[in-house]
PDB file of N, CA and C in Angstrom:
ATOM      1  N   MET A   1     -40.546  -8.406  -9.276  1.00  0.00           N
ATOM      2  CA  MET A   1     -39.434  -8.902  -8.503  1.00  0.00           C
ATOM      3  C   MET A   1     -39.406  -8.185  -7.158  1.00  0.00           C
ATOM      4  N   LYS A   2     -39.210  -8.958  -6.100  1.00  0.00           N
ATOM      5  CA  LYS A   2     -39.085  -8.371  -4.771  1.00  0.00           C
ATOM      6  C   LYS A   2     -37.616  -8.081  -4.491  1.00  0.00           C
ATOM      7  N   ILE A   3     -37.393  -6.960  -3.813  1.00  0.00           N
ATOM      8  CA  ILE A   3     -36.042  -6.535  -3.471  1.00  0.00           C
ATOM      9  C   ILE A   3     -35.989  -6.137  -2.005  1.00  0.00           C
ATOM     10  N   VAL A   4     -34.794  -6.151  -1.453  1.00  0.00           N
ATOM     11  CA  VAL A   4     -34.550  -5.684  -0.095  1.00  0.00           C
ATOM     12  C   VAL A   4     -33.628  -4.479  -0.197  1.00  0.00           C
ATOM     13  N   ILE A   5     -34.047  -3.379   0.434  1.00  0.00           N
ATOM     14  CA  ILE A   5     -33.254  -2.146   0.446  1.00  0.00           C
ATOM     15  C   ILE A   5     -32.854  -1.888   1.887  1.00  0.00           C
ATOM     16  N   SER A   6     -31.564  -1.722   2.129  1.00  0.00           N
ATOM     17  CA  SER A   6     -31.115  -1.369   3.478  1.00  0.00           C
ATOM     18  C   SER A   6     -30.435  -0.002   3.428  1.00  0.00           C
ATOM     19  N   VAL A   7     -30.709   0.781   4.451  1.00  0.00           N
ATOM     20  CA  VAL A   7     -30.160   2.135   4.556  1.00  0.00           C
ATOM     21  C   VAL A   7     -29.525   2.266   5.934  1.00  0.00           C
ATOM     22  N   MET A   8     -28.299   2.778   5.980  1.00  0.00           N
ATOM     23  CA  MET A   8     -27.636   2.961   7.260  1.00  0.00           C
ATOM     24  C   MET A   8     -26.742   4.200   7.201  1.00  0.00           C
ATOM     25  N   GLY A   9     -26.782   4.961   8.275  1.00  0.00           N
ATOM     26  CA  GLY A   9     -25.924   6.135   8.349  1.00  0.00           C
ATOM     27  C   GLY A   9     -26.293   7.009   9.522  1.00  0.00           C
ATOM     28  N   LYS A  10     -25.611   8.115   9.652  1.00  0.00           N
ATOM     29  CA  LYS A  10     -25.893   9.065  10.723  1.00  0.00           C
ATOM     30  C   LYS A  10     -27.308   9.611  10.529  1.00  0.00           C
ATOM     31  N   ASP A  11     -28.071   9.626  11.600  1.00  0.00           N
ATOM     32  CA  ASP A  11     -29.453  10.088  11.516  1.00  0.00           C
ATOM     33  C   ASP A  11     -29.506  11.555  11.109  1.00  0.00           C
ATOM     34  N   ARG A  12     -30.459  11.846  10.226  1.00  0.00           N
ATOM     35  CA  ARG A  12     -30.699  13.231   9.817  1.00  0.00           C
ATOM     36  C   ARG A  12     -32.097  13.317   9.229  1.00  0.00           C
ATOM     37  N   THR A  13     -32.596  14.500   9.127  1.00  0.00           N
ATOM     38  CA  THR A  13     -33.921  14.733   8.570  1.00  0.00           C
ATOM     39  C   THR A  13     -33.958  14.370   7.090  1.00  0.00           C
ATOM     40  N   GLY A  14     -35.028  13.703   6.674  1.00  0.00           N
ATOM     41  CA  GLY A  14     -35.274  13.487   5.253  1.00  0.00           C
ATOM     42  C   GLY A  14     -34.878  12.143   4.684  1.00  0.00           C
ATOM     43  N   ILE A  15     -34.268  11.265   5.466  1.00  0.00           N
ATOM     44  CA  ILE A  15     -33.817   9.989   4.909  1.00  0.00           C
ATOM     45  C   ILE A  15     -35.006   9.189   4.390  1.00  0.00           C
ATOM     46  N   ILE A  16     -35.988   8.980   5.231  1.00  0.00           N
ATOM     47  CA  ILE A  16     -37.156   8.198   4.815  1.00  0.00           C
ATOM     48  C   ILE A  16     -37.869   8.892   3.661  1.00  0.00           C
ATOM     49  N   ALA A  17     -38.010  10.190   3.741  1.00  0.00           N
ATOM     50  CA  ALA A  17     -38.722  10.941   2.701  1.00  0.00           C
ATOM     51  C   ALA A  17     -38.050  10.810   1.338  1.00  0.00           C
ATOM     52  N   LEU A  18     -36.730  10.938   1.290  1.00  0.00           N
ATOM     53  CA  LEU A  18     -36.044  10.871  -0.007  1.00  0.00           C
ATOM     54  C   LEU A  18     -36.041   9.460  -0.587  1.00  0.00           C
ATOM     55  N   VAL A  19     -35.823   8.463   0.256  1.00  0.00           N
ATOM     56  CA  VAL A  19     -35.795   7.085  -0.249  1.00  0.00           C
ATOM     57  C   VAL A  19     -37.196   6.665  -0.686  1.00  0.00           C
ATOM     58  N   SER A  20     -38.184   6.857   0.179  1.00  0.00           N
ATOM     59  CA  SER A  20     -39.550   6.443  -0.178  1.00  0.00           C
ATOM     60  C   SER A  20     -40.110   7.305  -1.305  1.00  0.00           C
ATOM     61  N   GLY A  21     -39.711   8.558  -1.393  1.00  0.00           N
ATOM     62  CA  GLY A  21     -40.148   9.427  -2.484  1.00  0.00           C
ATOM     63  C   GLY A  21     -39.663   8.923  -3.837  1.00  0.00           C
ATOM     64  N   LEU A  22     -38.415   8.485  -3.889  1.00  0.00           N
ATOM     65  CA  LEU A  22     -37.883   7.903  -5.130  1.00  0.00           C
ATOM     66  C   LEU A  22     -38.680   6.660  -5.510  1.00  0.00           C
ATOM     67  N   LEU A  23     -38.939   5.799  -4.543  1.00  0.00           N
ATOM     68  CA  LEU A  23     -39.700   4.580  -4.825  1.00  0.00           C
ATOM     69  C   LEU A  23     -41.102   4.921  -5.320  1.00  0.00           C
ATOM     70  N   TYR A  24     -41.737   5.893  -4.692  1.00  0.00           N
ATOM     71  CA  TYR A  24     -43.073   6.318  -5.121  1.00  0.00           C
ATOM     72  C   TYR A  24     -43.065   6.825  -6.566  1.00  0.00           C
ATOM     73  N   ARG A  25     -42.120   7.707  -6.869  1.00  0.00           N
ATOM     74  CA  ARG A  25     -42.045   8.275  -8.222  1.00  0.00           C
ATOM     75  C   ARG A  25     -41.814   7.193  -9.287  1.00  0.00           C
ATOM     76  N   GLU A  26     -41.109   6.150  -8.918  1.00  0.00           N
ATOM     77  CA  GLU A  26     -40.780   5.090  -9.868  1.00  0.00           C
ATOM     78  C   GLU A  26     -41.760   3.919  -9.799  1.00  0.00           C
ATOM     79  N   GLN A  27     -42.876   4.124  -9.108  1.00  0.00           N
ATOM     80  CA  GLN A  27     -43.949   3.126  -8.992  1.00  0.00           C
ATOM     81  C   GLN A  27     -43.446   1.801  -8.418  1.00  0.00           C
ATOM     82  N   ILE A  28     -42.647   1.922  -7.380  1.00  0.00           N
ATOM     83  CA  ILE A  28     -42.137   0.755  -6.665  1.00  0.00           C
ATOM     84  C   ILE A  28     -42.915   0.659  -5.357  1.00  0.00           C
ATOM     85  N   ASN A  29     -43.538  -0.485  -5.144  1.00  0.00           N
ATOM     86  CA  ASN A  29     -44.403  -0.680  -3.993  1.00  0.00           C
ATOM     87  C   ASN A  29     -43.607  -1.137  -2.779  1.00  0.00           C
ATOM     88  N   ILE A  30     -43.720  -0.427  -1.669  1.00  0.00           N
ATOM     89  CA  ILE A  30     -43.094  -0.832  -0.409  1.00  0.00           C
ATOM     90  C   ILE A  30     -44.028  -1.832   0.257  1.00  0.00           C
ATOM     91  N   LEU A  31     -43.547  -3.062   0.431  1.00  0.00           N
ATOM     92  CA  LEU A  31     -44.349  -4.131   1.019  1.00  0.00           C
ATOM     93  C   LEU A  31     -44.223  -4.178   2.537  1.00  0.00           C
ATOM     94  N   ASP A  32     -43.040  -3.856   3.030  1.00  0.00           N
ATOM     95  CA  ASP A  32     -42.793  -3.872   4.469  1.00  0.00           C
ATOM     96  C   ASP A  32     -41.614  -2.957   4.750  1.00  0.00           C
ATOM     97  N   ILE A  33     -41.605  -2.396   5.934  1.00  0.00           N
ATOM     98  CA  ILE A  33     -40.529  -1.467   6.295  1.00  0.00           C
ATOM     99  C   ILE A  33     -40.316  -1.505   7.801  1.00  0.00           C
ATOM    100  N   THR A  34     -39.072  -1.440   8.186  1.00  0.00           N
ATOM    101  CA  THR A  34     -38.728  -1.282   9.589  1.00  0.00           C
ATOM    102  C   THR A  34     -37.587  -0.273   9.663  1.00  0.00           C
ATOM    103  N   GLN A  35     -37.619   0.544  10.679  1.00  0.00           N
ATOM    104  CA  GLN A  35     -36.533   1.501  10.863  1.00  0.00           C
ATOM    105  C   GLN A  35     -36.354   1.753  12.350  1.00  0.00           C
ATOM    106  N   THR A  36     -35.139   2.062  12.704  1.00  0.00           N
ATOM    107  CA  THR A  36     -34.835   2.372  14.087  1.00  0.00           C
ATOM    108  C   THR A  36     -33.638   3.310  14.139  1.00  0.00           C
ATOM    109  N   ILE A  37     -33.493   3.946  15.254  1.00  0.00           N
ATOM    110  CA  ILE A  37     -32.336   4.809  15.482  1.00  0.00           C
ATOM    111  C   ILE A  37     -31.624   4.285  16.720  1.00  0.00           C
ATOM    112  N   LEU A  38     -30.371   3.920  16.559  1.00  0.00           N
ATOM    113  CA  LEU A  38     -29.535   3.448  17.656  1.00  0.00           C
ATOM    114  C   LEU A  38     -28.567   4.575  17.984  1.00  0.00           C
ATOM    115  N   GLN A  39     -28.842   5.265  19.085  1.00  0.00           N
ATOM    116  CA  GLN A  39     -28.142   6.492  19.428  1.00  0.00           C
ATOM    117  C   GLN A  39     -28.291   7.456  18.260  1.00  0.00           C
ATOM    118  N   ASP A  40     -27.258   7.716  17.469  1.00  0.00           N
ATOM    119  CA  ASP A  40     -27.440   8.611  16.319  1.00  0.00           C
ATOM    120  C   ASP A  40     -27.274   7.874  14.989  1.00  0.00           C
ATOM    121  N   LEU A  41     -27.360   6.536  15.013  1.00  0.00           N
ATOM    122  CA  LEU A  41     -27.237   5.729  13.812  1.00  0.00           C
ATOM    123  C   LEU A  41     -28.627   5.328  13.318  1.00  0.00           C
ATOM    124  N   PHE A  42     -28.952   5.762  12.105  1.00  0.00           N
ATOM    125  CA  PHE A  42     -30.239   5.444  11.484  1.00  0.00           C
ATOM    126  C   PHE A  42     -30.097   4.148  10.705  1.00  0.00           C
ATOM    127  N   THR A  43     -31.052   3.238  10.889  1.00  0.00           N
ATOM    128  CA  THR A  43     -31.074   2.003  10.101  1.00  0.00           C
ATOM    129  C   THR A  43     -32.490   1.760   9.605  1.00  0.00           C
ATOM    130  N   MET A  44     -32.607   1.317   8.366  1.00  0.00           N
ATOM    131  CA  MET A  44     -33.908   1.021   7.783  1.00  0.00           C
ATOM    132  C   MET A  44     -33.747  -0.140   6.814  1.00  0.00           C
ATOM    133  N   VAL A  45     -34.720  -1.041   6.838  1.00  0.00           N
ATOM    134  CA  VAL A  45     -34.771  -2.136   5.888  1.00  0.00           C
ATOM    135  C   VAL A  45     -36.171  -2.138   5.279  1.00  0.00           C
ATOM    136  N   MET A  46     -36.217  -2.222   3.960  1.00  0.00           N
ATOM    137  CA  MET A  46     -37.490  -2.229   3.239  1.00  0.00           C
ATOM    138  C   MET A  46     -37.563  -3.459   2.351  1.00  0.00           C
ATOM    139  N   LEU A  47     -38.741  -4.044   2.259  1.00  0.00           N
ATOM    140  CA  LEU A  47     -39.032  -5.058   1.265  1.00  0.00           C
ATOM    141  C   LEU A  47     -39.926  -4.374   0.251  1.00  0.00           C
ATOM    142  N   ALA A  48     -39.560  -4.419  -1.005  1.00  0.00           N
ATOM    143  CA  ALA A  48     -40.302  -3.702  -2.040  1.00  0.00           C
ATOM    144  C   ALA A  48     -40.482  -4.585  -3.267  1.00  0.00           C
ATOM    145  N   ASP A  49     -41.463  -4.210  -4.074  1.00  0.00           N
ATOM    146  CA  ASP A  49     -41.753  -4.926  -5.317  1.00  0.00           C
ATOM    147  C   ASP A  49     -41.552  -3.959  -6.474  1.00  0.00           C
ATOM    148  N   ILE A  50     -40.624  -4.300  -7.382  1.00  0.00           N
ATOM    149  CA  ILE A  50     -40.322  -3.404  -8.506  1.00  0.00           C
ATOM    150  C   ILE A  50     -41.014  -3.827  -9.798  1.00  0.00           C
ATOM    151  N   SER A  51     -41.901  -4.816  -9.726  1.00  0.00           N
ATOM    152  CA  SER A  51     -42.515  -5.326 -10.957  1.00  0.00           C
ATOM    153  C   SER A  51     -43.392  -4.285 -11.654  1.00  0.00           C
ATOM    154  N   GLY A  52     -43.891  -3.274 -10.945  1.00  0.00           N
ATOM    155  CA  GLY A  52     -44.707  -2.237 -11.564  1.00  0.00           C
ATOM    156  C   GLY A  52     -43.910  -1.045 -12.071  1.00  0.00           C
ATOM    157  N   SER A  53     -42.597  -1.091 -11.920  1.00  0.00           N
ATOM    158  CA  SER A  53     -41.738   0.032 -12.296  1.00  0.00           C
ATOM    159  C   SER A  53     -41.128  -0.171 -13.675  1.00  0.00           C
ATOM    160  N   LYS A  54     -40.846   0.938 -14.335  1.00  0.00           N
ATOM    161  CA  LYS A  54     -40.139   0.889 -15.616  1.00  0.00           C
ATOM    162  C   LYS A  54     -38.626   0.796 -15.410  1.00  0.00           C
ATOM    163  N   LEU A  55     -38.162   1.076 -14.171  1.00  0.00           N
ATOM    164  CA  LEU A  55     -36.731   1.001 -13.881  1.00  0.00           C
ATOM    165  C   LEU A  55     -36.274  -0.447 -13.810  1.00  0.00           C
ATOM    166  N   THR A  56     -35.095  -0.702 -14.326  1.00  0.00           N
ATOM    167  CA  THR A  56     -34.481  -2.008 -14.130  1.00  0.00           C
ATOM    168  C   THR A  56     -33.869  -2.039 -12.731  1.00  0.00           C
ATOM    169  N   PHE A  57     -33.533  -3.229 -12.280  1.00  0.00           N
ATOM    170  CA  PHE A  57     -32.874  -3.383 -10.987  1.00  0.00           C
ATOM    171  C   PHE A  57     -31.595  -2.549 -10.943  1.00  0.00           C
ATOM    172  N   GLU A  58     -30.815  -2.617 -12.002  1.00  0.00           N
ATOM    173  CA  GLU A  58     -29.547  -1.885 -12.071  1.00  0.00           C
ATOM    174  C   GLU A  58     -29.766  -0.372 -12.063  1.00  0.00           C
ATOM    175  N   SER A  59     -30.788   0.092 -12.774  1.00  0.00           N
ATOM    176  CA  SER A  59     -31.092   1.527 -12.791  1.00  0.00           C
ATOM    177  C   SER A  59     -31.528   2.005 -11.418  1.00  0.00           C
ATOM    178  N   LEU A  60     -32.299   1.170 -10.716  1.00  0.00           N
ATOM    179  CA  LEU A  60     -32.712   1.523  -9.359  1.00  0.00           C
ATOM    180  C   LEU A  60     -31.500   1.628  -8.449  1.00  0.00           C
ATOM    181  N   GLN A  61     -30.568   0.704  -8.579  1.00  0.00           N
ATOM    182  CA  GLN A  61     -29.338   0.784  -7.792  1.00  0.00           C
ATOM    183  C   GLN A  61     -28.621   2.112  -8.032  1.00  0.00           C
ATOM    184  N   GLU A  62     -28.547   2.531  -9.280  1.00  0.00           N
ATOM    185  CA  GLU A  62     -27.884   3.797  -9.619  1.00  0.00           C
ATOM    186  C   GLU A  62     -28.621   4.988  -9.017  1.00  0.00           C
ATOM    187  N   GLU A  63     -29.938   4.984  -9.104  1.00  0.00           N
ATOM    188  CA  GLU A  63     -30.729   6.089  -8.546  1.00  0.00           C
ATOM    189  C   GLU A  63     -30.599   6.152  -7.025  1.00  0.00           C
ATOM    190  N   LEU A  64     -30.624   4.983  -6.372  1.00  0.00           N
ATOM    191  CA  LEU A  64     -30.470   4.964  -4.919  1.00  0.00           C
ATOM    192  C   LEU A  64     -29.054   5.368  -4.504  1.00  0.00           C
ATOM    193  N   ALA A  65     -28.070   5.089  -5.346  1.00  0.00           N
ATOM    194  CA  ALA A  65     -26.699   5.525  -5.056  1.00  0.00           C
ATOM    195  C   ALA A  65     -26.615   7.052  -5.039  1.00  0.00           C
ATOM    196  N   LYS A  66     -27.366   7.701  -5.921  1.00  0.00           N
ATOM    197  CA  LYS A  66     -27.407   9.177  -5.929  1.00  0.00           C
ATOM    198  C   LYS A  66     -28.030   9.702  -4.641  1.00  0.00           C
ATOM    199  N   VAL A  67     -29.107   9.063  -4.208  1.00  0.00           N
ATOM    200  CA  VAL A  67     -29.767   9.464  -2.959  1.00  0.00           C
ATOM    201  C   VAL A  67     -28.815   9.245  -1.784  1.00  0.00           C
ATOM    202  N   ALA A  68     -28.119   8.116  -1.782  1.00  0.00           N
ATOM    203  CA  ALA A  68     -27.170   7.814  -0.709  1.00  0.00           C
ATOM    204  C   ALA A  68     -26.083   8.881  -0.619  1.00  0.00           C
ATOM    205  N   LYS A  69     -25.591   9.298  -1.771  1.00  0.00           N
ATOM    206  CA  LYS A  69     -24.550  10.330  -1.789  1.00  0.00           C
ATOM    207  C   LYS A  69     -25.093  11.647  -1.250  1.00  0.00           C
ATOM    208  N   GLU A  70     -26.299  11.995  -1.661  1.00  0.00           N
ATOM    209  CA  GLU A  70     -26.915  13.237  -1.191  1.00  0.00           C
ATOM    210  C   GLU A  70     -27.117  13.231   0.325  1.00  0.00           C
ATOM    211  N   LEU A  71     -27.506  12.074   0.863  1.00  0.00           N
ATOM    212  CA  LEU A  71     -27.792  11.962   2.292  1.00  0.00           C
ATOM    213  C   LEU A  71     -26.569  11.575   3.126  1.00  0.00           C
ATOM    214  N   ASN A  72     -25.485  11.202   2.452  1.00  0.00           N
ATOM    215  CA  ASN A  72     -24.284  10.714   3.129  1.00  0.00           C
ATOM    216  C   ASN A  72     -24.599   9.490   3.994  1.00  0.00           C
ATOM    217  N   VAL A  73     -25.308   8.530   3.380  1.00  0.00           N
ATOM    218  CA  VAL A  73     -25.622   7.255   4.021  1.00  0.00           C
ATOM    219  C   VAL A  73     -25.237   6.133   3.068  1.00  0.00           C
ATOM    220  N   GLU A  74     -25.307   4.913   3.553  1.00  0.00           N
ATOM    221  CA  GLU A  74     -25.060   3.753   2.698  1.00  0.00           C
ATOM    222  C   GLU A  74     -26.393   3.097   2.380  1.00  0.00           C
ATOM    223  N   ILE A  75     -26.641   2.852   1.106  1.00  0.00           N
ATOM    224  CA  ILE A  75     -27.859   2.175   0.676  1.00  0.00           C
ATOM    225  C   ILE A  75     -27.448   0.964  -0.158  1.00  0.00           C
ATOM    226  N   ARG A  76     -27.976  -0.195   0.228  1.00  0.00           N
ATOM    227  CA  ARG A  76     -27.716  -1.429  -0.519  1.00  0.00           C
ATOM    228  C   ARG A  76     -29.035  -1.995  -1.005  1.00  0.00           C
ATOM    229  N   VAL A  77     -29.008  -2.555  -2.189  1.00  0.00           N
ATOM    230  CA  VAL A  77     -30.201  -3.153  -2.791  1.00  0.00           C
ATOM    231  C   VAL A  77     -29.850  -4.580  -3.192  1.00  0.00           C
ATOM    232  N   MET A  78     -30.692  -5.529  -2.784  1.00  0.00           N
ATOM    233  CA  MET A  78     -30.472  -6.931  -3.122  1.00  0.00           C
ATOM    234  C   MET A  78     -31.780  -7.544  -3.595  1.00  0.00           C
ATOM    235  N   ARG A  79     -31.675  -8.501  -4.458  1.00  0.00           N
ATOM    236  CA  ARG A  79     -32.863  -9.255  -4.873  1.00  0.00           C
ATOM    237  C   ARG A  79     -33.297 -10.139  -3.713  1.00  0.00           C
ATOM    238  N   ALA A  80     -34.580 -10.132  -3.386  1.00  0.00           N
ATOM    239  CA  ALA A  80     -35.078 -10.918  -2.267  1.00  0.00           C
ATOM    240  C   ALA A  80     -34.916 -12.410  -2.498  1.00  0.00           C
ATOM    241  N   ASP A  81     -34.947 -12.855  -3.745  1.00  0.00           N
ATOM    242  CA  ASP A  81     -34.822 -14.289  -4.016  1.00  0.00           C
ATOM    243  C   ASP A  81     -33.434 -14.832  -3.663  1.00  0.00           C
ATOM    244  N   LEU A  82     -32.448 -13.952  -3.514  1.00  0.00           N
ATOM    245  CA  LEU A  82     -31.124 -14.401  -3.079  1.00  0.00           C
ATOM    246  C   LEU A  82     -31.182 -14.960  -1.669  1.00  0.00           C
ATOM    247  N   PHE A  83     -32.041 -14.398  -0.826  1.00  0.00           N
ATOM    248  CA  PHE A  83     -32.186 -14.894   0.538  1.00  0.00           C
ATOM    249  C   PHE A  83     -32.761 -16.308   0.534  1.00  0.00           C
ATOM    250  N   ASP A  84     -33.736 -16.545  -0.368  1.00  0.00           N
ATOM    251  CA  ASP A  84     -34.310 -17.883  -0.484  1.00  0.00           C
ATOM    252  C   ASP A  84     -33.256 -18.875  -0.978  1.00  0.00           C
ATOM    253  N   ALA A  85     -32.482 -18.475  -1.953  1.00  0.00           N
ATOM    254  CA  ALA A  85     -31.454 -19.355  -2.509  1.00  0.00           C
ATOM    255  C   ALA A  85     -30.388 -19.697  -1.472  1.00  0.00           C
ATOM    256  N   MET A  86     -30.037 -18.751  -0.613  1.00  0.00           N
ATOM    257  CA  MET A  86     -29.026 -18.981   0.406  1.00  0.00           C
ATOM    258  C   MET A  86     -29.511 -19.975   1.452  1.00  0.00           C
ATOM    259  N   ASN A  87     -30.820 -20.070   1.656  1.00  0.00           N
ATOM    260  CA  ASN A  87     -31.367 -20.940   2.688  1.00  0.00           C
ATOM    261  C   ASN A  87     -31.764 -22.316   2.182  1.00  0.00           C
ATOM    262  N   LYS A  88     -31.613 -22.556   0.889  1.00  0.00           N
ATOM    263  CA  LYS A  88     -31.923 -23.882   0.340  1.00  0.00           C
ATOM    264  C   LYS A  88     -30.660 -24.734   0.396  1.00  0.00           C
ATOM    265  N   VAL A  89     -30.783 -25.845   1.032  1.00  0.00           N
ATOM    266  CA  VAL A  89     -29.626 -26.740   1.162  1.00  0.00           C
ATOM    267  C   VAL A  89     -29.985 -28.099   0.655  1.00  0.00           C
TER     268      VAL A  89
END
């Protein structure tokens, strides 16, 4: 299953490392990534594939929530197929 992960918050050292490190440990493949800093606001969007992971979607959400709390940022996880469903009319 493909997922979209968005991260937003005050820029600080380690955001990319902690988020991507969790994905690596859980065998989640990052398919695409973009990140930018707008003044001191860090933003990142990742497209990832969780089909090789033992974590469920819900468990991944919980783990990323812990990372978000540690970093004091907001992390949202959505199923990529929701974007396709929203665009079908």
